[in-house]
Amino acid sequence: MTQSPPDVLTAHLCDDDPPHRLTVRLRGLLDHTVAHELAALVVLVSEALADRPDVSELVLCCADVTQCDLNGISALISVRRRADAYGARLILRERPARVDRLLVRTGTAAYLGALRESEPTVRQP
């Protein structure tokens, strides 16, 4: 098995969640350079939610996201819409500071489930 370059977006479905939660761990870029991978992320989430109708929480773990631009935000909005369609609440966890800043600047933080004070964020320059 070959390893992806560190900047390529990868998404890993976690198997250790309770039945009502689906966690996807993101790693790499959420930007225009990985447009194909962003589209694949939306498909992955849609298929996973379709396979698990019991899911009420979709958690995206963003600790290993290295960059995010408006294309990444657009993909996250698409993921939110898919979650809504399946009756699941989207939660962005362990967000790097750079991602939080972009969410706030674009006015999408609350819509994308990133304003919950009780959830940890990873603070990086």
PDB file of N, CA and C in Angstrom:
ATOM      1  N   MET A   1       0.844  -1.178   0.000  1.00  0.00           N
ATOM      2  CA  MET A   1       0.000   0.000   0.000  1.00  0.00           C
ATOM      3  C   MET A   1       0.890   1.242   0.000  1.00  0.00           C
ATOM      4  N   THR A   2       0.599   2.165  -0.885  1.00  0.00           N
ATOM      5  CA  THR A   2       1.391   3.389  -0.949  1.00  0.00           C
ATOM      6  C   THR A   2       0.808   4.433  -0.021  1.00  0.00           C
ATOM      7  N   GLN A   3       1.679   5.278   0.461  1.00  0.00           N
ATOM      8  CA  GLN A   3       1.248   6.347   1.359  1.00  0.00           C
ATOM      9  C   GLN A   3       0.925   7.587   0.548  1.00  0.00           C
ATOM     10  N   SER A   4      -0.097   8.328   0.953  1.00  0.00           N
ATOM     11  CA  SER A   4      -0.434   9.591   0.311  1.00  0.00           C
ATOM     12  C   SER A   4       0.569  10.650   0.735  1.00  0.00           C
ATOM     13  N   PRO A   5       0.870  11.593  -0.173  1.00  0.00           N
ATOM     14  CA  PRO A   5       1.704  12.718   0.250  1.00  0.00           C
ATOM     15  C   PRO A   5       1.040  13.433   1.421  1.00  0.00           C
ATOM     16  N   PRO A   6       1.814  14.083   2.297  1.00  0.00           N
ATOM     17  CA  PRO A   6       1.242  14.671   3.507  1.00  0.00           C
ATOM     18  C   PRO A   6       0.203  15.758   3.248  1.00  0.00           C
ATOM     19  N   ASP A   7       0.253  16.412   2.089  1.00  0.00           N
ATOM     20  CA  ASP A   7      -0.687  17.497   1.829  1.00  0.00           C
ATOM     21  C   ASP A   7      -2.003  17.045   1.210  1.00  0.00           C
ATOM     22  N   VAL A   8      -2.066  15.814   0.731  1.00  0.00           N
ATOM     23  CA  VAL A   8      -3.294  15.330   0.122  1.00  0.00           C
ATOM     24  C   VAL A   8      -4.335  15.102   1.215  1.00  0.00           C
ATOM     25  N   LEU A   9      -5.572  15.453   0.927  1.00  0.00           N
ATOM     26  CA  LEU A   9      -6.650  15.237   1.891  1.00  0.00           C
ATOM     27  C   LEU A   9      -6.964  13.755   1.991  1.00  0.00           C
ATOM     28  N   THR A  10      -6.966  13.249   3.211  1.00  0.00           N
ATOM     29  CA  THR A  10      -7.437  11.894   3.458  1.00  0.00           C
ATOM     30  C   THR A  10      -8.533  11.960   4.519  1.00  0.00           C
ATOM     31  N   ALA A  11      -9.468  11.042   4.413  1.00  0.00           N
ATOM     32  CA  ALA A  11     -10.571  10.961   5.373  1.00  0.00           C
ATOM     33  C   ALA A  11     -10.681   9.513   5.830  1.00  0.00           C
ATOM     34  N   HIS A  12     -10.724   9.328   7.138  1.00  0.00           N
ATOM     35  CA  HIS A  12     -10.771   7.994   7.728  1.00  0.00           C
ATOM     36  C   HIS A  12     -12.015   7.879   8.600  1.00  0.00           C
ATOM     37  N   LEU A  13     -12.853   6.894   8.306  1.00  0.00           N
ATOM     38  CA  LEU A  13     -14.024   6.627   9.141  1.00  0.00           C
ATOM     39  C   LEU A  13     -13.579   5.860  10.374  1.00  0.00           C
ATOM     40  N   CYS A  14     -13.971   6.332  11.543  1.00  0.00           N
ATOM     41  CA  CYS A  14     -13.608   5.672  12.803  1.00  0.00           C
ATOM     42  C   CYS A  14     -14.613   4.575  13.118  1.00  0.00           C
ATOM     43  N   ASP A  15     -14.107   3.463  13.609  1.00  0.00           N
ATOM     44  CA  ASP A  15     -14.953   2.304  13.910  1.00  0.00           C
ATOM     45  C   ASP A  15     -15.337   2.188  15.374  1.00  0.00           C
ATOM     46  N   ASP A  16     -14.778   3.037  16.230  1.00  0.00           N
ATOM     47  CA  ASP A  16     -14.975   2.863  17.669  1.00  0.00           C
ATOM     48  C   ASP A  16     -16.022   3.803  18.265  1.00  0.00           C
ATOM     49  N   ASP A  17     -16.863   4.365  17.441  1.00  0.00           N
ATOM     50  CA  ASP A  17     -17.892   5.290  17.916  1.00  0.00           C
ATOM     51  C   ASP A  17     -19.106   4.554  18.462  1.00  0.00           C
ATOM     52  N   PRO A  18     -19.862   5.229  19.341  1.00  0.00           N
ATOM     53  CA  PRO A  18     -21.159   4.662  19.726  1.00  0.00           C
ATOM     54  C   PRO A  18     -22.074   4.645  18.496  1.00  0.00           C
ATOM     55  N   PRO A  19     -23.138   3.858  18.523  1.00  0.00           N
ATOM     56  CA  PRO A  19     -23.991   3.694  17.341  1.00  0.00           C
ATOM     57  C   PRO A  19     -24.572   4.992  16.778  1.00  0.00           C
ATOM     58  N   HIS A  20     -24.804   5.982  17.627  1.00  0.00           N
ATOM     59  CA  HIS A  20     -25.438   7.213  17.150  1.00  0.00           C
ATOM     60  C   HIS A  20     -24.452   8.211  16.552  1.00  0.00           C
ATOM     61  N   ARG A  21     -23.157   7.916  16.599  1.00  0.00           N
ATOM     62  CA  ARG A  21     -22.146   8.874  16.146  1.00  0.00           C
ATOM     63  C   ARG A  21     -21.288   8.282  15.032  1.00  0.00           C
ATOM     64  N   LEU A  22     -21.010   9.107  14.039  1.00  0.00           N
ATOM     65  CA  LEU A  22     -20.082   8.757  12.973  1.00  0.00           C
ATOM     66  C   LEU A  22     -18.975   9.797  12.989  1.00  0.00           C
ATOM     67  N   THR A  23     -17.737   9.353  13.179  1.00  0.00           N
ATOM     68  CA  THR A  23     -16.595  10.263  13.203  1.00  0.00           C
ATOM     69  C   THR A  23     -15.739  10.033  11.973  1.00  0.00           C
ATOM     70  N   VAL A  24     -15.376  11.140  11.336  1.00  0.00           N
ATOM     71  CA  VAL A  24     -14.480  11.113  10.184  1.00  0.00           C
ATOM     72  C   VAL A  24     -13.265  11.949  10.553  1.00  0.00           C
ATOM     73  N   ARG A  25     -12.092  11.337  10.518  1.00  0.00           N
ATOM     74  CA  ARG A  25     -10.842  12.053  10.803  1.00  0.00           C
ATOM     75  C   ARG A  25     -10.260  12.560   9.497  1.00  0.00           C
ATOM     76  N   LEU A  26     -10.058  13.873   9.438  1.00  0.00           N
ATOM     77  CA  LEU A  26      -9.511  14.509   8.243  1.00  0.00           C
ATOM     78  C   LEU A  26      -8.032  14.791   8.443  1.00  0.00           C
ATOM     79  N   ARG A  27      -7.278  14.649   7.364  1.00  0.00           N
ATOM     80  CA  ARG A  27      -5.844  14.934   7.418  1.00  0.00           C
ATOM     81  C   ARG A  27      -5.422  15.576   6.098  1.00  0.00           C
ATOM     82  N   GLY A  28      -4.668  16.665   6.195  1.00  0.00           N
ATOM     83  CA  GLY A  28      -4.141  17.306   5.000  1.00  0.00           C
ATOM     84  C   GLY A  28      -4.875  18.586   4.654  1.00  0.00           C
ATOM     85  N   LEU A  29      -4.901  18.875   3.370  1.00  0.00           N
ATOM     86  CA  LEU A  29      -5.450  20.132   2.870  1.00  0.00           C
ATOM     87  C   LEU A  29      -6.950  20.067   2.637  1.00  0.00           C
ATOM     88  N   LEU A  30      -7.616  21.146   2.972  1.00  0.00           N
ATOM     89  CA  LEU A  30      -9.015  21.367   2.592  1.00  0.00           C
ATOM     90  C   LEU A  30      -8.997  22.629   1.732  1.00  0.00           C
ATOM     91  N   ASP A  31      -8.448  22.518   0.532  1.00  0.00           N
ATOM     92  CA  ASP A  31      -8.356  23.717  -0.305  1.00  0.00           C
ATOM     93  C   ASP A  31      -8.462  23.366  -1.788  1.00  0.00           C
ATOM     94  N   HIS A  32      -8.303  24.380  -2.629  1.00  0.00           N
ATOM     95  CA  HIS A  32      -8.506  24.238  -4.072  1.00  0.00           C
ATOM     96  C   HIS A  32      -7.563  23.236  -4.729  1.00  0.00           C
ATOM     97  N   THR A  33      -6.441  22.944  -4.118  1.00  0.00           N
ATOM     98  CA  THR A  33      -5.478  22.024  -4.733  1.00  0.00           C
ATOM     99  C   THR A  33      -5.920  20.569  -4.652  1.00  0.00           C
ATOM    100  N   VAL A  34      -6.928  20.289  -3.857  1.00  0.00           N
ATOM    101  CA  VAL A  34      -7.416  18.910  -3.694  1.00  0.00           C
ATOM    102  C   VAL A  34      -8.917  18.836  -3.994  1.00  0.00           C
ATOM    103  N   ALA A  35      -9.332  19.503  -5.063  1.00  0.00           N
ATOM    104  CA  ALA A  35     -10.758  19.577  -5.403  1.00  0.00           C
ATOM    105  C   ALA A  35     -11.382  18.190  -5.541  1.00  0.00           C
ATOM    106  N   HIS A  36     -10.683  17.271  -6.173  1.00  0.00           N
ATOM    107  CA  HIS A  36     -11.216  15.918  -6.350  1.00  0.00           C
ATOM    108  C   HIS A  36     -11.436  15.235  -4.998  1.00  0.00           C
ATOM    109  N   GLU A  37     -10.487  15.397  -4.087  1.00  0.00           N
ATOM    110  CA  GLU A  37     -10.603  14.789  -2.766  1.00  0.00           C
ATOM    111  C   GLU A  37     -11.732  15.421  -1.953  1.00  0.00           C
ATOM    112  N   LEU A  38     -11.959  16.730  -2.142  1.00  0.00           N
ATOM    113  CA  LEU A  38     -13.074  17.383  -1.452  1.00  0.00           C
ATOM    114  C   LEU A  38     -14.399  16.787  -1.909  1.00  0.00           C
ATOM    115  N   ALA A  39     -14.536  16.576  -3.217  1.00  0.00           N
ATOM    116  CA  ALA A  39     -15.755  15.952  -3.740  1.00  0.00           C
ATOM    117  C   ALA A  39     -15.891  14.527  -3.208  1.00  0.00           C
ATOM    118  N   ALA A  40     -14.774  13.807  -3.134  1.00  0.00           N
ATOM    119  CA  ALA A  40     -14.800  12.438  -2.613  1.00  0.00           C
ATOM    120  C   ALA A  40     -15.200  12.410  -1.139  1.00  0.00           C
ATOM    121  N   LEU A  41     -14.807  13.438  -0.380  1.00  0.00           N
ATOM    122  CA  LEU A  41     -15.197  13.529   1.030  1.00  0.00           C
ATOM    123  C   LEU A  41     -16.713  13.611   1.162  1.00  0.00           C
ATOM    124  N   VAL A  42     -17.340  14.434   0.338  1.00  0.00           N
ATOM    125  CA  VAL A  42     -18.800  14.576   0.386  1.00  0.00           C
ATOM    126  C   VAL A  42     -19.465  13.242   0.046  1.00  0.00           C
ATOM    127  N   VAL A  43     -18.952  12.544  -0.951  1.00  0.00           N
ATOM    128  CA  VAL A  43     -19.496  11.235  -1.325  1.00  0.00           C
ATOM    129  C   VAL A  43     -19.302  10.231  -0.189  1.00  0.00           C
ATOM    130  N   LEU A  44     -18.111  10.204   0.397  1.00  0.00           N
ATOM    131  CA  LEU A  44     -17.827   9.292   1.513  1.00  0.00           C
ATOM    132  C   LEU A  44     -18.814   9.499   2.655  1.00  0.00           C
ATOM    133  N   VAL A  45     -19.022  10.749   3.035  1.00  0.00           N
ATOM    134  CA  VAL A  45     -19.944  11.060   4.131  1.00  0.00           C
ATOM    135  C   VAL A  45     -21.366  10.655   3.757  1.00  0.00           C
ATOM    136  N   SER A  46     -21.783  10.969   2.536  1.00  0.00           N
ATOM    137  CA  SER A  46     -23.136  10.612   2.095  1.00  0.00           C
ATOM    138  C   SER A  46     -23.360   9.107   2.159  1.00  0.00           C
ATOM    139  N   GLU A  47     -22.400   8.348   1.655  1.00  0.00           N
ATOM    140  CA  GLU A  47     -22.532   6.891   1.659  1.00  0.00           C
ATOM    141  C   GLU A  47     -22.516   6.328   3.076  1.00  0.00           C
ATOM    142  N   ALA A  48     -21.658   6.872   3.924  1.00  0.00           N
ATOM    143  CA  ALA A  48     -21.588   6.389   5.308  1.00  0.00           C
ATOM    144  C   ALA A  48     -22.890   6.673   6.054  1.00  0.00           C
ATOM    145  N   LEU A  49     -23.454   7.859   5.843  1.00  0.00           N
ATOM    146  CA  LEU A  49     -24.724   8.193   6.494  1.00  0.00           C
ATOM    147  C   LEU A  49     -25.864   7.329   5.954  1.00  0.00           C
ATOM    148  N   ALA A  50     -25.848   7.049   4.668  1.00  0.00           N
ATOM    149  CA  ALA A  50     -26.882   6.189   4.083  1.00  0.00           C
ATOM    150  C   ALA A  50     -26.808   4.773   4.652  1.00  0.00           C
ATOM    151  N   ASP A  51     -25.589   4.316   4.925  1.00  0.00           N
ATOM    152  CA  ASP A  51     -25.396   2.973   5.482  1.00  0.00           C
ATOM    153  C   ASP A  51     -25.723   2.887   6.968  1.00  0.00           C
ATOM    154  N   ARG A  52     -25.785   4.044   7.638  1.00  0.00           N
ATOM    155  CA  ARG A  52     -26.010   4.054   9.091  1.00  0.00           C
ATOM    156  C   ARG A  52     -27.147   5.012   9.446  1.00  0.00           C
ATOM    157  N   PRO A  53     -28.386   4.604   9.224  1.00  0.00           N
ATOM    158  CA  PRO A  53     -29.520   5.491   9.493  1.00  0.00           C
ATOM    159  C   PRO A  53     -29.695   5.844  10.967  1.00  0.00           C
ATOM    160  N   ASP A  54     -28.990   5.149  11.863  1.00  0.00           N
ATOM    161  CA  ASP A  54     -29.078   5.416  13.295  1.00  0.00           C
ATOM    162  C   ASP A  54     -28.212   6.594  13.727  1.00  0.00           C
ATOM    163  N   VAL A  55     -27.389   7.121  12.849  1.00  0.00           N
ATOM    164  CA  VAL A  55     -26.457   8.195  13.203  1.00  0.00           C
ATOM    165  C   VAL A  55     -27.209   9.511  13.392  1.00  0.00           C
ATOM    166  N   SER A  56     -26.999  10.137  14.558  1.00  0.00           N
ATOM    167  CA  SER A  56     -27.577  11.457  14.825  1.00  0.00           C
ATOM    168  C   SER A  56     -26.503  12.533  14.954  1.00  0.00           C
ATOM    169  N   GLU A  57     -25.229  12.125  15.037  1.00  0.00           N
ATOM    170  CA  GLU A  57     -24.110  13.073  15.107  1.00  0.00           C
ATOM    171  C   GLU A  57     -23.045  12.678  14.097  1.00  0.00           C
ATOM    172  N   LEU A  58     -22.682  13.626  13.254  1.00  0.00           N
ATOM    173  CA  LEU A  58     -21.564  13.450  12.336  1.00  0.00           C
ATOM    174  C   LEU A  58     -20.440  14.343  12.828  1.00  0.00           C
ATOM    175  N   VAL A  59     -19.348  13.732  13.254  1.00  0.00           N
ATOM    176  CA  VAL A  59     -18.216  14.469  13.808  1.00  0.00           C
ATOM    177  C   VAL A  59     -17.078  14.449  12.797  1.00  0.00           C
ATOM    178  N   LEU A  60     -16.610  15.638  12.423  1.00  0.00           N
ATOM    179  CA  LEU A  60     -15.410  15.748  11.608  1.00  0.00           C
ATOM    180  C   LEU A  60     -14.284  16.184  12.525  1.00  0.00           C
ATOM    181  N   CYS A  61     -13.294  15.333  12.683  1.00  0.00           N
ATOM    182  CA  CYS A  61     -12.128  15.648  13.502  1.00  0.00           C
ATOM    183  C   CYS A  61     -11.106  16.328  12.594  1.00  0.00           C
ATOM    184  N   CYS A  62     -10.808  17.579  12.892  1.00  0.00           N
ATOM    185  CA  CYS A  62      -9.989  18.419  12.012  1.00  0.00           C
ATOM    186  C   CYS A  62      -8.581  18.668  12.536  1.00  0.00           C
ATOM    187  N   ALA A  63      -8.141  17.946  13.547  1.00  0.00           N
ATOM    188  CA  ALA A  63      -6.846  18.211  14.177  1.00  0.00           C
ATOM    189  C   ALA A  63      -5.686  18.171  13.191  1.00  0.00           C
ATOM    190  N   ASP A  64      -5.777  17.326  12.178  1.00  0.00           N
ATOM    191  CA  ASP A  64      -4.675  17.171  11.230  1.00  0.00           C
ATOM    192  C   ASP A  64      -4.899  17.903   9.910  1.00  0.00           C
ATOM    193  N   VAL A  65      -5.846  18.830   9.892  1.00  0.00           N
ATOM    194  CA  VAL A  65      -6.046  19.667   8.703  1.00  0.00           C
ATOM    195  C   VAL A  65      -4.939  20.710   8.682  1.00  0.00           C
ATOM    196  N   THR A  66      -4.207  20.765   7.580  1.00  0.00           N
ATOM    197  CA  THR A  66      -3.050  21.659   7.499  1.00  0.00           C
ATOM    198  C   THR A  66      -3.358  22.992   6.840  1.00  0.00           C
ATOM    199  N   GLN A  67      -4.429  23.059   6.063  1.00  0.00           N
ATOM    200  CA  GLN A  67      -4.794  24.296   5.374  1.00  0.00           C
ATOM    201  C   GLN A  67      -6.261  24.208   4.992  1.00  0.00           C
ATOM    202  N   CYS A  68      -6.925  25.353   4.960  1.00  0.00           N
ATOM    203  CA  CYS A  68      -8.322  25.398   4.543  1.00  0.00           C
ATOM    204  C   CYS A  68      -8.553  26.720   3.825  1.00  0.00           C
ATOM    205  N   ASP A  69      -9.240  26.661   2.681  1.00  0.00           N
ATOM    206  CA  ASP A  69      -9.621  27.876   1.978  1.00  0.00           C
ATOM    207  C   ASP A  69     -11.125  27.819   1.703  1.00  0.00           C
ATOM    208  N   LEU A  70     -11.614  28.713   0.866  1.00  0.00           N
ATOM    209  CA  LEU A  70     -13.053  28.768   0.609  1.00  0.00           C
ATOM    210  C   LEU A  70     -13.573  27.501  -0.067  1.00  0.00           C
ATOM    211  N   ASN A  71     -12.733  26.815  -0.826  1.00  0.00           N
ATOM    212  CA  ASN A  71     -13.155  25.539  -1.401  1.00  0.00           C
ATOM    213  C   ASN A  71     -13.367  24.499  -0.306  1.00  0.00           C
ATOM    214  N   GLY A  72     -12.527  24.526   0.707  1.00  0.00           N
ATOM    215  CA  GLY A  72     -12.707  23.636   1.848  1.00  0.00           C
ATOM    216  C   GLY A  72     -13.980  23.957   2.611  1.00  0.00           C
ATOM    217  N   ILE A  73     -14.230  25.255   2.804  1.00  0.00           N
ATOM    218  CA  ILE A  73     -15.472  25.675   3.472  1.00  0.00           C
ATOM    219  C   ILE A  73     -16.678  25.205   2.663  1.00  0.00           C
ATOM    220  N   SER A  74     -16.601  25.353   1.347  1.00  0.00           N
ATOM    221  CA  SER A  74     -17.692  24.900   0.484  1.00  0.00           C
ATOM    222  C   SER A  74     -17.941  23.399   0.644  1.00  0.00           C
ATOM    223  N   ALA A  75     -16.871  22.619   0.719  1.00  0.00           N
ATOM    224  CA  ALA A  75     -17.023  21.174   0.927  1.00  0.00           C
ATOM    225  C   ALA A  75     -17.656  20.887   2.286  1.00  0.00           C
ATOM    226  N   LEU A  76     -17.250  21.630   3.307  1.00  0.00           N
ATOM    227  CA  LEU A  76     -17.838  21.443   4.636  1.00  0.00           C
ATOM    228  C   LEU A  76     -19.325  21.797   4.631  1.00  0.00           C
ATOM    229  N   ILE A  77     -19.689  22.832   3.882  1.00  0.00           N
ATOM    230  CA  ILE A  77     -21.110  23.185   3.757  1.00  0.00           C
ATOM    231  C   ILE A  77     -21.868  22.049   3.069  1.00  0.00           C
ATOM    232  N   SER A  78     -21.274  21.453   2.044  1.00  0.00           N
ATOM    233  CA  SER A  78     -21.908  20.308   1.381  1.00  0.00           C
ATOM    234  C   SER A  78     -22.066  19.136   2.341  1.00  0.00           C
ATOM    235  N   VAL A  79     -21.060  18.903   3.170  1.00  0.00           N
ATOM    236  CA  VAL A  79     -21.149  17.843   4.179  1.00  0.00           C
ATOM    237  C   VAL A  79     -22.273  18.158   5.155  1.00  0.00           C
ATOM    238  N   ARG A  80     -22.384  19.406   5.573  1.00  0.00           N
ATOM    239  CA  ARG A  80     -23.464  19.810   6.492  1.00  0.00           C
ATOM    240  C   ARG A  80     -24.825  19.533   5.860  1.00  0.00           C
ATOM    241  N   ARG A  81     -24.963  19.866   4.589  1.00  0.00           N
ATOM    242  CA  ARG A  81     -26.244  19.625   3.906  1.00  0.00           C
ATOM    243  C   ARG A  81     -26.567  18.139   3.837  1.00  0.00           C
ATOM    244  N   ARG A  82     -25.564  17.309   3.599  1.00  0.00           N
ATOM    245  CA  ARG A  82     -25.782  15.863   3.582  1.00  0.00           C
ATOM    246  C   ARG A  82     -26.183  15.381   4.974  1.00  0.00           C
ATOM    247  N   ALA A  83     -25.504  15.891   5.995  1.00  0.00           N
ATOM    248  CA  ALA A  83     -25.854  15.516   7.369  1.00  0.00           C
ATOM    249  C   ALA A  83     -27.299  15.899   7.666  1.00  0.00           C
ATOM    250  N   ASP A  84     -27.683  17.113   7.287  1.00  0.00           N
ATOM    251  CA  ASP A  84     -29.065  17.559   7.488  1.00  0.00           C
ATOM    252  C   ASP A  84     -30.050  16.626   6.789  1.00  0.00           C
ATOM    253  N   ALA A  85     -29.720  16.239   5.569  1.00  0.00           N
ATOM    254  CA  ALA A  85     -30.616  15.372   4.797  1.00  0.00           C
ATOM    255  C   ALA A  85     -30.830  14.023   5.481  1.00  0.00           C
ATOM    256  N   TYR A  86     -29.842  13.581   6.232  1.00  0.00           N
ATOM    257  CA  TYR A  86     -29.943  12.301   6.938  1.00  0.00           C
ATOM    258  C   TYR A  86     -30.311  12.465   8.408  1.00  0.00           C
ATOM    259  N   GLY A  87     -30.633  13.680   8.818  1.00  0.00           N
ATOM    260  CA  GLY A  87     -31.063  13.916  10.194  1.00  0.00           C
ATOM    261  C   GLY A  87     -29.947  13.886  11.213  1.00  0.00           C
ATOM    262  N   ALA A  88     -28.723  14.146  10.781  1.00  0.00           N
ATOM    263  CA  ALA A  88     -27.573  14.137  11.691  1.00  0.00           C
ATOM    264  C   ALA A  88     -27.068  15.564  11.905  1.00  0.00           C
ATOM    265  N   ARG A  89     -26.575  15.815  13.096  1.00  0.00           N
ATOM    266  CA  ARG A  89     -26.000  17.120  13.441  1.00  0.00           C
ATOM    267  C   ARG A  89     -24.509  17.080  13.147  1.00  0.00           C
ATOM    268  N   LEU A  90     -23.997  18.087  12.435  1.00  0.00           N
ATOM    269  CA  LEU A  90     -22.570  18.168  12.135  1.00  0.00           C
ATOM    270  C   LEU A  90     -21.835  18.857  13.273  1.00  0.00           C
ATOM    271  N   ILE A  91     -20.714  18.274  13.668  1.00  0.00           N
ATOM    272  CA  ILE A  91     -19.854  18.852  14.700  1.00  0.00           C
ATOM    273  C   ILE A  91     -18.424  18.833  14.168  1.00  0.00           C
ATOM    274  N   LEU A  92     -17.767  19.992  14.166  1.00  0.00           N
ATOM    275  CA  LEU A  92     -16.351  20.065  13.802  1.00  0.00           C
ATOM    276  C   LEU A  92     -15.553  20.076  15.092  1.00  0.00           C
ATOM    277  N   ARG A  93     -14.687  19.109  15.262  1.00  0.00           N
ATOM    278  CA  ARG A  93     -13.898  19.008  16.496  1.00  0.00           C
ATOM    279  C   ARG A  93     -12.418  19.177  16.212  1.00  0.00           C
ATOM    280  N   GLU A  94     -11.704  19.578  17.265  1.00  0.00           N
ATOM    281  CA  GLU A  94     -10.246  19.692  17.237  1.00  0.00           C
ATOM    282  C   GLU A  94      -9.768  20.517  16.043  1.00  0.00           C
ATOM    283  N   ARG A  95     -10.371  21.677  15.907  1.00  0.00           N
ATOM    284  CA  ARG A  95     -10.046  22.546  14.780  1.00  0.00           C
ATOM    285  C   ARG A  95      -8.769  23.323  15.040  1.00  0.00           C
ATOM    286  N   PRO A  96      -7.839  23.337  14.081  1.00  0.00           N
ATOM    287  CA  PRO A  96      -6.682  24.217  14.210  1.00  0.00           C
ATOM    288  C   PRO A  96      -7.139  25.677  14.195  1.00  0.00           C
ATOM    289  N   ALA A  97      -6.363  26.543  14.806  1.00  0.00           N
ATOM    290  CA  ALA A  97      -6.723  27.962  14.884  1.00  0.00           C
ATOM    291  C   ALA A  97      -6.943  28.561  13.504  1.00  0.00           C
ATOM    292  N   ARG A  98      -6.152  28.154  12.511  1.00  0.00           N
ATOM    293  CA  ARG A  98      -6.303  28.720  11.165  1.00  0.00           C
ATOM    294  C   ARG A  98      -7.671  28.386  10.570  1.00  0.00           C
ATOM    295  N   VAL A  99      -8.182  27.203  10.892  1.00  0.00           N
ATOM    296  CA  VAL A  99      -9.511  26.816  10.413  1.00  0.00           C
ATOM    297  C   VAL A  99     -10.573  27.627  11.149  1.00  0.00           C
ATOM    298  N   ASP A 100     -10.435  27.755  12.467  1.00  0.00           N
ATOM    299  CA  ASP A 100     -11.384  28.565  13.239  1.00  0.00           C
ATOM    300  C   ASP A 100     -11.452  29.996  12.713  1.00  0.00           C
ATOM    301  N   ARG A 101     -10.293  30.574  12.439  1.00  0.00           N
ATOM    302  CA  ARG A 101     -10.275  31.962  11.943  1.00  0.00           C
ATOM    303  C   ARG A 101     -11.034  32.092  10.630  1.00  0.00           C
ATOM    304  N   LEU A 102     -10.849  31.146   9.725  1.00  0.00           N
ATOM    305  CA  LEU A 102     -11.554  31.201   8.448  1.00  0.00           C
ATOM    306  C   LEU A 102     -13.053  30.999   8.639  1.00  0.00           C
ATOM    307  N   LEU A 103     -13.435  30.103   9.532  1.00  0.00           N
ATOM    308  CA  LEU A 103     -14.859  29.894   9.807  1.00  0.00           C
ATOM    309  C   LEU A 103     -15.501  31.167  10.348  1.00  0.00           C
ATOM    310  N   VAL A 104     -14.805  31.849  11.240  1.00  0.00           N
ATOM    311  CA  VAL A 104     -15.329  33.097  11.807  1.00  0.00           C
ATOM    312  C   VAL A 104     -15.378  34.179  10.730  1.00  0.00           C
ATOM    313  N   ARG A 105     -14.287  34.314   9.968  1.00  0.00           N
ATOM    314  CA  ARG A 105     -14.224  35.344   8.923  1.00  0.00           C
ATOM    315  C   ARG A 105     -15.313  35.177   7.871  1.00  0.00           C
ATOM    316  N   THR A 106     -15.651  33.938   7.552  1.00  0.00           N
ATOM    317  CA  THR A 106     -16.656  33.686   6.522  1.00  0.00           C
ATOM    318  C   THR A 106     -18.073  33.626   7.083  1.00  0.00           C
ATOM    319  N   GLY A 107     -18.210  33.711   8.396  1.00  0.00           N
ATOM    320  CA  GLY A 107     -19.534  33.666   9.007  1.00  0.00           C
ATOM    321  C   GLY A 107     -20.166  32.285   8.983  1.00  0.00           C
ATOM    322  N   THR A 108     -19.362  31.245   8.839  1.00  0.00           N
ATOM    323  CA  THR A 108     -19.894  29.886   8.739  1.00  0.00           C
ATOM    324  C   THR A 108     -19.678  29.044   9.992  1.00  0.00           C
ATOM    325  N   ALA A 109     -19.052  29.601  11.011  1.00  0.00           N
ATOM    326  CA  ALA A 109     -18.705  28.818  12.205  1.00  0.00           C
ATOM    327  C   ALA A 109     -19.935  28.183  12.852  1.00  0.00           C
ATOM    328  N   ALA A 110     -20.953  28.962  13.103  1.00  0.00           N
ATOM    329  CA  ALA A 110     -22.148  28.423  13.763  1.00  0.00           C
ATOM    330  C   ALA A 110     -22.852  27.408  12.863  1.00  0.00           C
ATOM    331  N   TYR A 111     -22.990  27.730  11.588  1.00  0.00           N
ATOM    332  CA  TYR A 111     -23.671  26.834  10.655  1.00  0.00           C
ATOM    333  C   TYR A 111     -22.951  25.492  10.544  1.00  0.00           C
ATOM    334  N   LEU A 112     -21.633  25.521  10.622  1.00  0.00           N
ATOM    335  CA  LEU A 112     -20.852  24.293  10.473  1.00  0.00           C
ATOM    336  C   LEU A 112     -20.565  23.590  11.797  1.00  0.00           C
ATOM    337  N   GLY A 113     -21.236  23.982  12.856  1.00  0.00           N
ATOM    338  CA  GLY A 113     -21.102  23.265  14.124  1.00  0.00           C
ATOM    339  C   GLY A 113     -19.779  23.483  14.811  1.00  0.00           C
ATOM    340  N   ALA A 114     -19.241  24.701  14.693  1.00  0.00           N
ATOM    341  CA  ALA A 114     -17.922  24.970  15.260  1.00  0.00           C
ATOM    342  C   ALA A 114     -17.951  25.950  16.421  1.00  0.00           C
ATOM    343  N   LEU A 115     -19.103  26.239  16.991  1.00  0.00           N
ATOM    344  CA  LEU A 115     -19.175  27.218  18.078  1.00  0.00           C
ATOM    345  C   LEU A 115     -19.588  26.613  19.406  1.00  0.00           C
ATOM    346  N   ARG A 116     -19.325  25.356  19.601  1.00  0.00           N
ATOM    347  CA  ARG A 116     -19.678  24.719  20.866  1.00  0.00           C
ATOM    348  C   ARG A 116     -18.505  24.853  21.825  1.00  0.00           C
ATOM    349  N   GLU A 117     -18.689  25.616  22.887  1.00  0.00           N
ATOM    350  CA  GLU A 117     -17.599  25.906  23.824  1.00  0.00           C
ATOM    351  C   GLU A 117     -17.052  24.662  24.502  1.00  0.00           C
ATOM    352  N   SER A 118     -17.862  23.646  24.696  1.00  0.00           N
ATOM    353  CA  SER A 118     -17.420  22.467  25.434  1.00  0.00           C
ATOM    354  C   SER A 118     -16.533  21.543  24.602  1.00  0.00           C
ATOM    355  N   GLU A 119     -16.364  21.834  23.330  1.00  0.00           N
ATOM    356  CA  GLU A 119     -15.590  20.958  22.472  1.00  0.00           C
ATOM    357  C   GLU A 119     -14.180  21.481  22.308  1.00  0.00           C
ATOM    358  N   PRO A 120     -13.209  20.586  22.368  1.00  0.00           N
ATOM    359  CA  PRO A 120     -11.811  21.020  22.306  1.00  0.00           C
ATOM    360  C   PRO A 120     -11.426  21.515  20.925  1.00  0.00           C
ATOM    361  N   THR A 121     -10.532  22.484  20.904  1.00  0.00           N
ATOM    362  CA  THR A 121      -9.909  22.913  19.663  1.00  0.00           C
ATOM    363  C   THR A 121      -8.410  22.804  19.845  1.00  0.00           C
ATOM    364  N   VAL A 122      -7.727  22.586  18.780  1.00  0.00           N
ATOM    365  CA  VAL A 122      -6.273  22.545  18.806  1.00  0.00           C
ATOM    366  C   VAL A 122      -5.792  23.910  18.365  1.00  0.00           C
ATOM    367  N   ARG A 123      -5.013  24.551  19.174  1.00  0.00           N
ATOM    368  CA  ARG A 123      -4.513  25.887  18.854  1.00  0.00           C
ATOM    369  C   ARG A 123      -3.121  25.779  18.259  1.00  0.00           C
ATOM    370  N   GLN A 124      -3.008  26.197  17.007  1.00  0.00           N
ATOM    371  CA  GLN A 124      -1.726  26.205  16.321  1.00  0.00           C
ATOM    372  C   GLN A 124      -1.570  27.550  15.639  1.00  0.00           C
ATOM    373  N   PRO A 125      -0.332  27.981  15.401  1.00  0.00           N
ATOM    374  CA  PRO A 125      -0.133  29.259  14.707  1.00  0.00           C
ATOM    375  C   PRO A 125      -0.633  29.217  13.289  1.00  0.00           C
TER     376      PRO A 125
END
